[in-house]
Amino acid sequence: MQIDKLRGRELDQLFRAILSLRDLEECYRFFDDLCTVNEIQSLAQRFEVARMLQEGYTYHKIETETGASTATISRVKRCLNYGNDAYAMALERIKDDNASS
C-alpha cells in the first residue's frame, strides 16, 4: 500500500481532526482554513470523476462536465481499479446517506 509511506504522527493528527468534524458547515470552515480554494476544488473534482467513472461515463463526457484532464481521469481510474477501494466505499456510503435523507 502506498499509504504506508505516508503514515505518521502529523497525518494521524490531520485525519483525527477531520474525523472530529460534526457536520458540513464544520467541514467547510475547516477546509477553508486548511486548503486553498484550488486544492479543495481539485479534491472535489477527483471525487466527482470517481463517481462518474463508477457510473460508466466516458472520458470525454467526464472531461467535458468536470474540466478534469485525461491524466487526472486516468489516475482516478487506476485508483478505482487497483487502489484501496476507498472511492467505492465512500461513494457507496454517501449514496446510502443521500437515499435516507
Foldseek 3Di string as FASTA:
>chain_A
DVCVVVDDDVVVVVVVVVVPDDDPVSVVVVCVVVDPPVVVLVVVLLLVLLVCVVVPDDPVVSCVPRVDDVVSSVVSVCCCVPNDCPSVVVVVVVVVVVVVD
